[in-house]
Amino acid sequence: VTLLTQDIEDSFSAKKKAGAVFVDLTAAYDTVWHHGLTCKLLRLLHD
């Protein structure tokens, strides 16, 4: 909230537009491809 507020204030001071996108990830963890996520984390660890 602090970062968003600061961005809005900075844009307002510079007479520029500010935008924000809010995404609701309700139950997103339930739809994660767990095997793929595990493989990606293991690859990061190895590399």
All heavy atoms as atom14 arrays in JSON, in Angstrom:
{
  "sequence": "VTLLTQDIEDSFSAKKKAGAVFVDLTAAYDTVWHHGLTCKLLRLLHD",
  "atom14_mask": [
    [1, 1, 1, 1, 1, 1, 1, 0, 0, 0, 0, 0, 0, 0],
    [1, 1, 1, 1, 1, 1, 1, 0, 0, 0, 0, 0, 0, 0],
    [1, 1, 1, 1, 1, 1, 1, 1, 0, 0, 0, 0, 0, 0],
    [1, 1, 1, 1, 1, 1, 1, 1, 0, 0, 0, 0, 0, 0],
    [1, 1, 1, 1, 1, 1, 1, 0, 0, 0, 0, 0, 0, 0],
    [1, 1, 1, 1, 1, 1, 1, 1, 1, 0, 0, 0, 0, 0],
    [1, 1, 1, 1, 1, 1, 1, 1, 0, 0, 0, 0, 0, 0],
    [1, 1, 1, 1, 1, 1, 1, 1, 0, 0, 0, 0, 0, 0],
    [1, 1, 1, 1, 1, 1, 1, 1, 1, 0, 0, 0, 0, 0],
    [1, 1, 1, 1, 1, 1, 1, 1, 0, 0, 0, 0, 0, 0],
    [1, 1, 1, 1, 1, 1, 0, 0, 0, 0, 0, 0, 0, 0],
    [1, 1, 1, 1, 1, 1, 1, 1, 1, 1, 1, 0, 0, 0],
    [1, 1, 1, 1, 1, 1, 0, 0, 0, 0, 0, 0, 0, 0],
    [1, 1, 1, 1, 1, 0, 0, 0, 0, 0, 0, 0, 0, 0],
    [1, 1, 1, 1, 1, 1, 1, 1, 1, 0, 0, 0, 0, 0],
    [1, 1, 1, 1, 1, 1, 1, 1, 1, 0, 0, 0, 0, 0],
    [1, 1, 1, 1, 1, 1, 1, 1, 1, 0, 0, 0, 0, 0],
    [1, 1, 1, 1, 1, 0, 0, 0, 0, 0, 0, 0, 0, 0],
    [1, 1, 1, 1, 0, 0, 0, 0, 0, 0, 0, 0, 0, 0],
    [1, 1, 1, 1, 1, 0, 0, 0, 0, 0, 0, 0, 0, 0],
    [1, 1, 1, 1, 1, 1, 1, 0, 0, 0, 0, 0, 0, 0],
    [1, 1, 1, 1, 1, 1, 1, 1, 1, 1, 1, 0, 0, 0],
    [1, 1, 1, 1, 1, 1, 1, 0, 0, 0, 0, 0, 0, 0],
    [1, 1, 1, 1, 1, 1, 1, 1, 0, 0, 0, 0, 0, 0],
    [1, 1, 1, 1, 1, 1, 1, 1, 0, 0, 0, 0, 0, 0],
    [1, 1, 1, 1, 1, 1, 1, 0, 0, 0, 0, 0, 0, 0],
    [1, 1, 1, 1, 1, 0, 0, 0, 0, 0, 0, 0, 0, 0],
    [1, 1, 1, 1, 1, 0, 0, 0, 0, 0, 0, 0, 0, 0],
    [1, 1, 1, 1, 1, 1, 1, 1, 1, 1, 1, 1, 0, 0],
    [1, 1, 1, 1, 1, 1, 1, 1, 0, 0, 0, 0, 0, 0],
    [1, 1, 1, 1, 1, 1, 1, 0, 0, 0, 0, 0, 0, 0],
    [1, 1, 1, 1, 1, 1, 1, 0, 0, 0, 0, 0, 0, 0],
    [1, 1, 1, 1, 1, 1, 1, 1, 1, 1, 1, 1, 1, 1],
    [1, 1, 1, 1, 1, 1, 1, 1, 1, 1, 0, 0, 0, 0],
    [1, 1, 1, 1, 1, 1, 1, 1, 1, 1, 0, 0, 0, 0],
    [1, 1, 1, 1, 0, 0, 0, 0, 0, 0, 0, 0, 0, 0],
    [1, 1, 1, 1, 1, 1, 1, 1, 0, 0, 0, 0, 0, 0],
    [1, 1, 1, 1, 1, 1, 1, 0, 0, 0, 0, 0, 0, 0],
    [1, 1, 1, 1, 1, 1, 0, 0, 0, 0, 0, 0, 0, 0],
    [1, 1, 1, 1, 1, 1, 1, 1, 1, 0, 0, 0, 0, 0],
    [1, 1, 1, 1, 1, 1, 1, 1, 0, 0, 0, 0, 0, 0],
    [1, 1, 1, 1, 1, 1, 1, 1, 0, 0, 0, 0, 0, 0],
    [1, 1, 1, 1, 1, 1, 1, 1, 1, 1, 1, 0, 0, 0],
    [1, 1, 1, 1, 1, 1, 1, 1, 0, 0, 0, 0, 0, 0],
    [1, 1, 1, 1, 1, 1, 1, 1, 0, 0, 0, 0, 0, 0],
    [1, 1, 1, 1, 1, 1, 1, 1, 1, 1, 0, 0, 0, 0],
    [1, 1, 1, 1, 1, 1, 1, 1, 0, 0, 0, 0, 0, 0]
  ],
  "atom14_positions": [
    [[0.84, -1.2, 0.0], [0.0, 0.0, 0.0], [0.87, 1.25, 0.0], [0.6, 2.22, -0.71], [-0.97, 0.0, 1.21], [-1.7, 1.32, 1.34], [-1.96, -1.15, 1.09], [0.0, 0.0, 0.0], [0.0, 0.0, 0.0], [0.0, 0.0, 0.0], [0.0, 0.0, 0.0], [0.0, 0.0, 0.0], [0.0, 0.0, 0.0], [0.0, 0.0, 0.0]],
    [[1.96, 1.22, 0.76], [2.88, 2.36, 0.82], [3.52, 2.62, -0.54], [3.6, 3.76, -1.0], [3.97, 2.12, 1.9], [3.33, 1.88, 3.15], [4.89, 3.31, 2.01], [0.0, 0.0, 0.0], [0.0, 0.0, 0.0], [0.0, 0.0, 0.0], [0.0, 0.0, 0.0], [0.0, 0.0, 0.0], [0.0, 0.0, 0.0], [0.0, 0.0, 0.0]],
    [[3.99, 1.54, -1.2], [4.61, 1.69, -2.52], [3.61, 2.24, -3.54], [3.93, 3.12, -4.33], [5.14, 0.34, -3.02], [6.45, -0.13, -2.42], [6.73, -1.58, -2.81], [7.59, 0.76, -2.87], [0.0, 0.0, 0.0], [0.0, 0.0, 0.0], [0.0, 0.0, 0.0], [0.0, 0.0, 0.0], [0.0, 0.0, 0.0], [0.0, 0.0, 0.0]],
    [[2.37, 1.71, -3.52], [1.35, 2.17, -4.44], [1.02, 3.64, -4.2], [0.95, 4.44, -5.14], [0.09, 1.32, -4.32], [-1.09, 1.72, -5.2], [-0.71, 1.64, -6.67], [-2.29, 0.84, -4.91], [0.0, 0.0, 0.0], [0.0, 0.0, 0.0], [0.0, 0.0, 0.0], [0.0, 0.0, 0.0], [0.0, 0.0, 0.0], [0.0, 0.0, 0.0]],
    [[0.87, 4.01, -2.94], [0.57, 5.4, -2.59], [1.69, 6.32, -3.05], [1.43, 7.39, -3.62], [0.36, 5.53, -1.06], [-0.68, 4.64, -0.67], [-0.02, 6.94, -0.67], [0.0, 0.0, 0.0], [0.0, 0.0, 0.0], [0.0, 0.0, 0.0], [0.0, 0.0, 0.0], [0.0, 0.0, 0.0], [0.0, 0.0, 0.0], [0.0, 0.0, 0.0]],
    [[2.93, 5.9, -2.83], [4.08, 6.72, -3.25], [4.12, 6.87, -4.76], [4.38, 7.96, -5.28], [5.39, 6.1, -2.74], [6.59, 7.0, -2.96], [6.48, 8.31, -2.19], [6.24, 8.3, -1.01], [6.65, 9.43, -2.88], [0.0, 0.0, 0.0], [0.0, 0.0, 0.0], [0.0, 0.0, 0.0], [0.0, 0.0, 0.0], [0.0, 0.0, 0.0]],
    [[3.85, 5.8, -5.51], [3.82, 5.87, -6.97], [2.74, 6.85, -7.45], [2.97, 7.65, -8.37], [3.55, 4.49, -7.58], [4.8, 3.63, -7.65], [5.9, 4.17, -7.43], [4.66, 2.43, -7.91], [0.0, 0.0, 0.0], [0.0, 0.0, 0.0], [0.0, 0.0, 0.0], [0.0, 0.0, 0.0], [0.0, 0.0, 0.0], [0.0, 0.0, 0.0]],
    [[1.58, 6.8, -6.82], [0.49, 7.71, -7.2], [0.88, 9.15, -6.9], [0.69, 10.04, -7.74], [-0.82, 7.32, -6.47], [-1.32, 5.97, -7.0], [-1.88, 8.4, -6.64], [-2.44, 5.37, -6.19], [0.0, 0.0, 0.0], [0.0, 0.0, 0.0], [0.0, 0.0, 0.0], [0.0, 0.0, 0.0], [0.0, 0.0, 0.0], [0.0, 0.0, 0.0]],
    [[1.46, 9.39, -5.73], [1.88, 10.74, -5.37], [2.97, 11.26, -6.31], [2.94, 12.42, -6.73], [2.36, 10.79, -3.92], [1.24, 10.66, -2.92], [1.74, 10.68, -1.47], [2.96, 10.82, -1.24], [0.9, 10.54, -0.57], [0.0, 0.0, 0.0], [0.0, 0.0, 0.0], [0.0, 0.0, 0.0], [0.0, 0.0, 0.0], [0.0, 0.0, 0.0]],
    [[3.93, 10.39, -6.65], [5.0, 10.79, -7.57], [4.44, 11.15, -8.95], [4.85, 12.12, -9.56], [6.05, 9.68, -7.7], [6.86, 9.48, -6.43], [6.79, 10.34, -5.52], [7.54, 8.43, -6.34], [0.0, 0.0, 0.0], [0.0, 0.0, 0.0], [0.0, 0.0, 0.0], [0.0, 0.0, 0.0], [0.0, 0.0, 0.0], [0.0, 0.0, 0.0]],
    [[3.51, 10.34, -9.42], [2.89, 10.61, -10.72], [2.11, 11.91, -10.69], [2.15, 12.71, -11.62], [1.96, 9.47, -11.12], [2.68, 8.29, -11.31], [0.0, 0.0, 0.0], [0.0, 0.0, 0.0], [0.0, 0.0, 0.0], [0.0, 0.0, 0.0], [0.0, 0.0, 0.0], [0.0, 0.0, 0.0], [0.0, 0.0, 0.0], [0.0, 0.0, 0.0]],
    [[1.36, 12.12, -9.61], [0.58, 13.34, -9.46], [1.49, 14.56, -9.46], [1.23, 15.55, -10.14], [-0.25, 13.27, -8.18], [-1.19, 14.42, -8.01], [-2.35, 14.51, -8.76], [-0.91, 15.43, -7.09], [-3.23, 15.58, -8.6], [-1.77, 16.5, -6.92], [-2.93, 16.58, -7.68], [0.0, 0.0, 0.0], [0.0, 0.0, 0.0], [0.0, 0.0, 0.0]],
    [[2.6, 14.48, -8.72], [3.55, 15.6, -8.64], [4.18, 15.89, -10.0], [4.45, 17.05, -10.34], [4.66, 15.29, -7.64], [4.13, 15.18, -6.35], [0.0, 0.0, 0.0], [0.0, 0.0, 0.0], [0.0, 0.0, 0.0], [0.0, 0.0, 0.0], [0.0, 0.0, 0.0], [0.0, 0.0, 0.0], [0.0, 0.0, 0.0], [0.0, 0.0, 0.0]],
    [[4.41, 14.83, -10.79], [5.03, 15.0, -12.11], [3.98, 15.26, -13.19], [4.32, 15.3, -14.38], [5.83, 13.75, -12.46], [0.0, 0.0, 0.0], [0.0, 0.0, 0.0], [0.0, 0.0, 0.0], [0.0, 0.0, 0.0], [0.0, 0.0, 0.0], [0.0, 0.0, 0.0], [0.0, 0.0, 0.0], [0.0, 0.0, 0.0], [0.0, 0.0, 0.0]],
    [[2.72, 15.43, -12.77], [1.6, 15.65, -13.69], [1.51, 14.54, -14.75], [1.29, 14.79, -15.92], [1.71, 17.03, -14.35], [1.64, 18.17, -13.35], [1.51, 19.5, -14.05], [1.57, 20.67, -13.1], [0.68, 20.68, -11.98], [0.0, 0.0, 0.0], [0.0, 0.0, 0.0], [0.0, 0.0, 0.0], [0.0, 0.0, 0.0], [0.0, 0.0, 0.0]],
    [[1.7, 13.32, -14.28], [1.59, 12.14, -15.14], [0.46, 11.25, -14.63], [-0.01, 11.41, -13.5], [2.9, 11.35, -15.14], [4.05, 12.07, -15.79], [5.27, 11.18, -15.84], [6.4, 11.9, -16.56], [7.59, 11.04, -16.64], [0.0, 0.0, 0.0], [0.0, 0.0, 0.0], [0.0, 0.0, 0.0], [0.0, 0.0, 0.0], [0.0, 0.0, 0.0]],
    [[0.06, 10.3, -15.46], [-0.99, 9.37, -15.06], [-0.37, 8.19, -14.32], [0.76, 7.82, -14.57], [-1.74, 8.86, -16.29], [-2.51, 9.93, -17.01], [-3.23, 9.37, -18.21], [-3.99, 10.48, -18.93], [-4.66, 9.98, -20.13], [0.0, 0.0, 0.0], [0.0, 0.0, 0.0], [0.0, 0.0, 0.0], [0.0, 0.0, 0.0], [0.0, 0.0, 0.0]],
    [[-1.14, 7.64, -13.41], [-0.72, 6.44, -12.69], [-1.79, 5.38, -12.89], [-2.97, 5.67, -12.96], [-0.55, 6.74, -11.21], [0.0, 0.0, 0.0], [0.0, 0.0, 0.0], [0.0, 0.0, 0.0], [0.0, 0.0, 0.0], [0.0, 0.0, 0.0], [0.0, 0.0, 0.0], [0.0, 0.0, 0.0], [0.0, 0.0, 0.0], [0.0, 0.0, 0.0]],
    [[-1.37, 4.14, -13.01], [-2.31, 3.04, -13.18], [-1.96, 1.9, -12.26], [-0.82, 1.78, -11.8], [0.0, 0.0, 0.0], [0.0, 0.0, 0.0], [0.0, 0.0, 0.0], [0.0, 0.0, 0.0], [0.0, 0.0, 0.0], [0.0, 0.0, 0.0], [0.0, 0.0, 0.0], [0.0, 0.0, 0.0], [0.0, 0.0, 0.0], [0.0, 0.0, 0.0]],
    [[-2.93, 1.06, -11.99], [-2.69, -0.11, -11.14], [-3.56, -1.25, -11.64], [-4.67, -1.03, -12.15], [-3.02, 0.21, -9.69], [0.0, 0.0, 0.0], [0.0, 0.0, 0.0], [0.0, 0.0, 0.0], [0.0, 0.0, 0.0], [0.0, 0.0, 0.0], [0.0, 0.0, 0.0], [0.0, 0.0, 0.0], [0.0, 0.0, 0.0], [0.0, 0.0, 0.0]],
    [[-3.07, -2.44, -11.5], [-3.81, -3.64, -11.86], [-3.89, -4.51, -10.6], [-2.87, -4.77, -9.96], [-3.11, -4.43, -12.98], [-3.84, -5.72, -13.27], [-2.99, -3.58, -14.23], [0.0, 0.0, 0.0], [0.0, 0.0, 0.0], [0.0, 0.0, 0.0], [0.0, 0.0, 0.0], [0.0, 0.0, 0.0], [0.0, 0.0, 0.0], [0.0, 0.0, 0.0]],
    [[-5.07, -4.92, -10.24], [-5.27, -5.77, -9.07], [-5.78, -7.12, -9.55], [-6.75, -7.2, -10.28], [-6.27, -5.13, -8.11], [-5.8, -3.8, -7.6], [-6.21, -2.62, -8.21], [-4.92, -3.72, -6.53], [-5.77, -1.39, -7.76], [-4.48, -2.48, -6.07], [-4.9, -1.33, -6.69], [0.0, 0.0, 0.0], [0.0, 0.0, 0.0], [0.0, 0.0, 0.0]],
    [[-5.11, -8.17, -9.14], [-5.45, -9.52, -9.57], [-5.87, -10.32, -8.35], [-5.14, -10.36, -7.35], [-4.25, -10.2, -10.26], [-4.6, -11.61, -10.71], [-3.76, -9.36, -11.44], [0.0, 0.0, 0.0], [0.0, 0.0, 0.0], [0.0, 0.0, 0.0], [0.0, 0.0, 0.0], [0.0, 0.0, 0.0], [0.0, 0.0, 0.0], [0.0, 0.0, 0.0]],
    [[-7.02, -10.96, -8.43], [-7.5, -11.81, -7.35], [-7.04, -13.24, -7.62], [-7.48, -13.87, -8.57], [-9.02, -11.74, -7.27], [-9.58, -12.59, -6.14], [-8.79, -13.15, -5.35], [-10.81, -12.7, -6.06], [0.0, 0.0, 0.0], [0.0, 0.0, 0.0], [0.0, 0.0, 0.0], [0.0, 0.0, 0.0], [0.0, 0.0, 0.0], [0.0, 0.0, 0.0]],
    [[-6.14, -13.73, -6.81], [-5.6, -15.07, -6.99], [-6.22, -16.05, -5.99], [-5.56, -16.94, -5.49], [-4.08, -15.05, -6.85], [-3.35, -14.2, -7.87], [-1.86, -14.16, -7.57], [-3.58, -14.71, -9.28], [0.0, 0.0, 0.0], [0.0, 0.0, 0.0], [0.0, 0.0, 0.0], [0.0, 0.0, 0.0], [0.0, 0.0, 0.0], [0.0, 0.0, 0.0]],
    [[-7.5, -15.88, -5.75], [-8.21, -16.76, -4.83], [-8.04, -18.21, -5.27], [-8.3, -18.54, -6.41], [-9.7, -16.4, -4.78], [-9.82, -15.03, -4.44], [-10.44, -17.26, -3.77], [0.0, 0.0, 0.0], [0.0, 0.0, 0.0], [0.0, 0.0, 0.0], [0.0, 0.0, 0.0], [0.0, 0.0, 0.0], [0.0, 0.0, 0.0], [0.0, 0.0, 0.0]],
    [[-7.56, -19.02, -4.37], [-7.36, -20.45, -4.61], [-6.37, -20.73, -5.73], [-6.4, -21.78, -6.34], [-8.7, -21.14, -4.88], [0.0, 0.0, 0.0], [0.0, 0.0, 0.0], [0.0, 0.0, 0.0], [0.0, 0.0, 0.0], [0.0, 0.0, 0.0], [0.0, 0.0, 0.0], [0.0, 0.0, 0.0], [0.0, 0.0, 0.0], [0.0, 0.0, 0.0]],
    [[-5.48, -19.78, -6.03], [-4.51, -19.98, -7.12], [-3.59, -21.16, -6.82], [-3.21, -21.9, -7.72], [-3.69, -18.71, -7.33], [0.0, 0.0, 0.0], [0.0, 0.0, 0.0], [0.0, 0.0, 0.0], [0.0, 0.0, 0.0], [0.0, 0.0, 0.0], [0.0, 0.0, 0.0], [0.0, 0.0, 0.0], [0.0, 0.0, 0.0], [0.0, 0.0, 0.0]],
    [[-3.25, -21.36, -5.56], [-2.36, -22.47, -5.22], [-2.98, -23.8, -5.6], [-2.27, -24.74, -5.96], [-2.03, -22.43, -3.73], [-1.03, -23.48, -3.33], [0.32, -23.33, -3.64], [-1.42, -24.64, -2.66], [1.25, -24.29, -3.29], [-0.5, -25.6, -2.31], [0.83, -25.43, -2.62], [1.73, -26.38, -2.29], [0.0, 0.0, 0.0], [0.0, 0.0, 0.0]],
    [[-4.3, -23.89, -5.57], [-4.98, -25.14, -5.92], [-4.81, -25.48, -7.4], [-4.98, -26.63, -7.79], [-6.47, -25.04, -5.61], [-6.73, -24.84, -4.12], [-5.84, -25.17, -3.32], [-7.8, -24.35, -3.77], [0.0, 0.0, 0.0], [0.0, 0.0, 0.0], [0.0, 0.0, 0.0], [0.0, 0.0, 0.0], [0.0, 0.0, 0.0], [0.0, 0.0, 0.0]],
    [[-4.5, -24.49, -8.24], [-4.39, -24.73, -9.67], [-2.94, -24.76, -10.15], [-2.7, -24.86, -11.33], [-5.15, -23.64, -10.45], [-4.56, -22.37, -10.16], [-6.62, -23.62, -10.1], [0.0, 0.0, 0.0], [0.0, 0.0, 0.0], [0.0, 0.0, 0.0], [0.0, 0.0, 0.0], [0.0, 0.0, 0.0], [0.0, 0.0, 0.0], [0.0, 0.0, 0.0]],
    [[-1.98, -24.68, -9.23], [-0.57, -24.7, -9.6], [-0.19, -26.1, -10.07], [-0.6, -27.1, -9.49], [0.32, -24.29, -8.4], [1.77, -24.59, -8.66], [0.13, -22.83, -8.09], [0.0, 0.0, 0.0], [0.0, 0.0, 0.0], [0.0, 0.0, 0.0], [0.0, 0.0, 0.0], [0.0, 0.0, 0.0], [0.0, 0.0, 0.0], [0.0, 0.0, 0.0]],
    [[0.61, -26.16, -11.13], [1.15, -27.43, -11.62], [2.32, -27.78, -10.7], [3.44, -27.34, -10.9], [1.56, -27.29, -13.07], [2.09, -28.54, -13.68], [1.68, -29.82, -13.44], [3.14, -28.63, -14.65], [2.4, -30.7, -14.19], [3.3, -30.0, -14.95], [3.93, -27.69, -15.29], [4.25, -30.44, -15.87], [4.86, -28.15, -16.2], [5.02, -29.5, -16.49]],
    [[2.06, -28.55, -9.66], [3.03, -28.81, -8.61], [4.28, -29.51, -9.13], [5.4, -29.18, -8.74], [2.4, -29.62, -7.47], [1.31, -28.88, -6.78], [1.58, -27.96, -5.79], [-0.03, -28.88, -6.94], [0.44, -27.45, -5.35], [-0.55, -27.98, -6.04], [0.0, 0.0, 0.0], [0.0, 0.0, 0.0], [0.0, 0.0, 0.0], [0.0, 0.0, 0.0]],
    [[4.12, -30.48, -10.02], [5.27, -31.2, -10.57], [6.17, -30.23, -11.35], [7.39, -30.26, -11.2], [4.81, -32.35, -11.46], [5.94, -33.16, -12.02], [6.7, -34.01, -11.24], [6.46, -33.21, -13.27], [7.63, -34.55, -12.0], [7.5, -34.09, -13.23], [0.0, 0.0, 0.0], [0.0, 0.0, 0.0], [0.0, 0.0, 0.0], [0.0, 0.0, 0.0]],
    [[5.55, -29.37, -12.17], [6.33, -28.4, -12.94], [7.05, -27.41, -12.05], [8.21, -27.05, -12.28], [0.0, 0.0, 0.0], [0.0, 0.0, 0.0], [0.0, 0.0, 0.0], [0.0, 0.0, 0.0], [0.0, 0.0, 0.0], [0.0, 0.0, 0.0], [0.0, 0.0, 0.0], [0.0, 0.0, 0.0], [0.0, 0.0, 0.0], [0.0, 0.0, 0.0]],
    [[6.37, -26.96, -10.99], [6.98, -26.02, -10.05], [8.18, -26.67, -9.35], [9.24, -26.06, -9.22], [5.96, -25.56, -9.02], [6.45, -24.61, -7.93], [6.98, -23.31, -8.54], [5.34, -24.31, -6.94], [0.0, 0.0, 0.0], [0.0, 0.0, 0.0], [0.0, 0.0, 0.0], [0.0, 0.0, 0.0], [0.0, 0.0, 0.0], [0.0, 0.0, 0.0]],
    [[8.02, -27.92, -8.95], [9.13, -28.64, -8.31], [10.31, -28.77, -9.26], [11.46, -28.54, -8.86], [8.66, -30.04, -7.85], [7.54, -29.9, -6.98], [9.76, -30.8, -7.15], [0.0, 0.0, 0.0], [0.0, 0.0, 0.0], [0.0, 0.0, 0.0], [0.0, 0.0, 0.0], [0.0, 0.0, 0.0], [0.0, 0.0, 0.0], [0.0, 0.0, 0.0]],
    [[10.04, -29.13, -10.51], [11.13, -29.25, -11.5], [11.85, -27.92, -11.69], [13.08, -27.88, -11.76], [10.57, -29.75, -12.84], [10.07, -31.47, -12.8], [0.0, 0.0, 0.0], [0.0, 0.0, 0.0], [0.0, 0.0, 0.0], [0.0, 0.0, 0.0], [0.0, 0.0, 0.0], [0.0, 0.0, 0.0], [0.0, 0.0, 0.0], [0.0, 0.0, 0.0]],
    [[11.1, -26.84, -11.77], [11.7, -25.53, -11.97], [12.59, -25.15, -10.78], [13.7, -24.65, -10.95], [10.62, -24.48, -12.18], [11.15, -23.13, -12.58], [10.04, -22.19, -12.98], [10.61, -20.9, -13.51], [9.59, -20.03, -14.05], [0.0, 0.0, 0.0], [0.0, 0.0, 0.0], [0.0, 0.0, 0.0], [0.0, 0.0, 0.0], [0.0, 0.0, 0.0]],
    [[12.11, -25.4, -9.56], [12.9, -25.08, -8.37], [14.17, -25.94, -8.31], [15.24, -25.45, -7.97], [12.07, -25.27, -7.11], [10.97, -24.23, -6.89], [10.1, -24.62, -5.7], [11.56, -22.86, -6.67], [0.0, 0.0, 0.0], [0.0, 0.0, 0.0], [0.0, 0.0, 0.0], [0.0, 0.0, 0.0], [0.0, 0.0, 0.0], [0.0, 0.0, 0.0]],
    [[14.04, -27.21, -8.66], [15.23, -28.08, -8.67], [16.23, -27.63, -9.72], [17.44, -27.66, -9.49], [14.82, -29.54, -8.91], [14.12, -30.23, -7.74], [13.58, -31.59, -8.17], [15.04, -30.37, -6.56], [0.0, 0.0, 0.0], [0.0, 0.0, 0.0], [0.0, 0.0, 0.0], [0.0, 0.0, 0.0], [0.0, 0.0, 0.0], [0.0, 0.0, 0.0]],
    [[15.75, -27.18, -10.88], [16.63, -26.67, -11.94], [17.36, -25.42, -11.46], [18.56, -25.25, -11.68], [15.83, -26.37, -13.2], [16.69, -26.23, -14.43], [15.88, -26.08, -15.72], [14.83, -27.07, -15.87], [13.52, -26.79, -15.9], [13.11, -25.55, -15.83], [12.64, -27.74, -16.02], [0.0, 0.0, 0.0], [0.0, 0.0, 0.0], [0.0, 0.0, 0.0]],
    [[16.63, -24.52, -10.78], [17.26, -23.31, -10.23], [18.34, -23.68, -9.21], [19.41, -23.07, -9.18], [16.21, -22.41, -9.58], [15.32, -21.62, -10.52], [14.19, -20.96, -9.74], [16.12, -20.58, -11.27], [0.0, 0.0, 0.0], [0.0, 0.0, 0.0], [0.0, 0.0, 0.0], [0.0, 0.0, 0.0], [0.0, 0.0, 0.0], [0.0, 0.0, 0.0]],
    [[18.03, -24.65, -8.38], [18.98, -25.09, -7.37], [20.23, -25.66, -8.02], [21.36, -25.37, -7.63], [18.34, -26.11, -6.44], [19.22, -26.71, -5.35], [19.67, -25.62, -4.39], [18.47, -27.79, -4.59], [0.0, 0.0, 0.0], [0.0, 0.0, 0.0], [0.0, 0.0, 0.0], [0.0, 0.0, 0.0], [0.0, 0.0, 0.0], [0.0, 0.0, 0.0]],
    [[20.04, -26.46, -9.05], [21.16, -27.1, -9.74], [22.01, -26.09, -10.5], [23.24, -26.2, -10.55], [20.62, -28.17, -10.7], [21.7, -28.89, -11.43], [22.15, -28.5, -12.66], [22.44, -29.98, -11.07], [23.11, -29.31, -13.04], [23.3, -30.22, -12.1], [0.0, 0.0, 0.0], [0.0, 0.0, 0.0], [0.0, 0.0, 0.0], [0.0, 0.0, 0.0]],
    [[21.39, -25.08, -11.1], [22.08, -24.11, -11.96], [22.74, -22.95, -11.2], [23.51, -22.21, -11.79], [21.12, -23.52, -13.01], [20.66, -24.59, -13.99], [21.31, -25.65, -14.06], [19.65, -24.34, -14.67], [0.0, 0.0, 0.0], [0.0, 0.0, 0.0], [0.0, 0.0, 0.0], [0.0, 0.0, 0.0], [0.0, 0.0, 0.0], [0.0, 0.0, 0.0]]
  ]
}
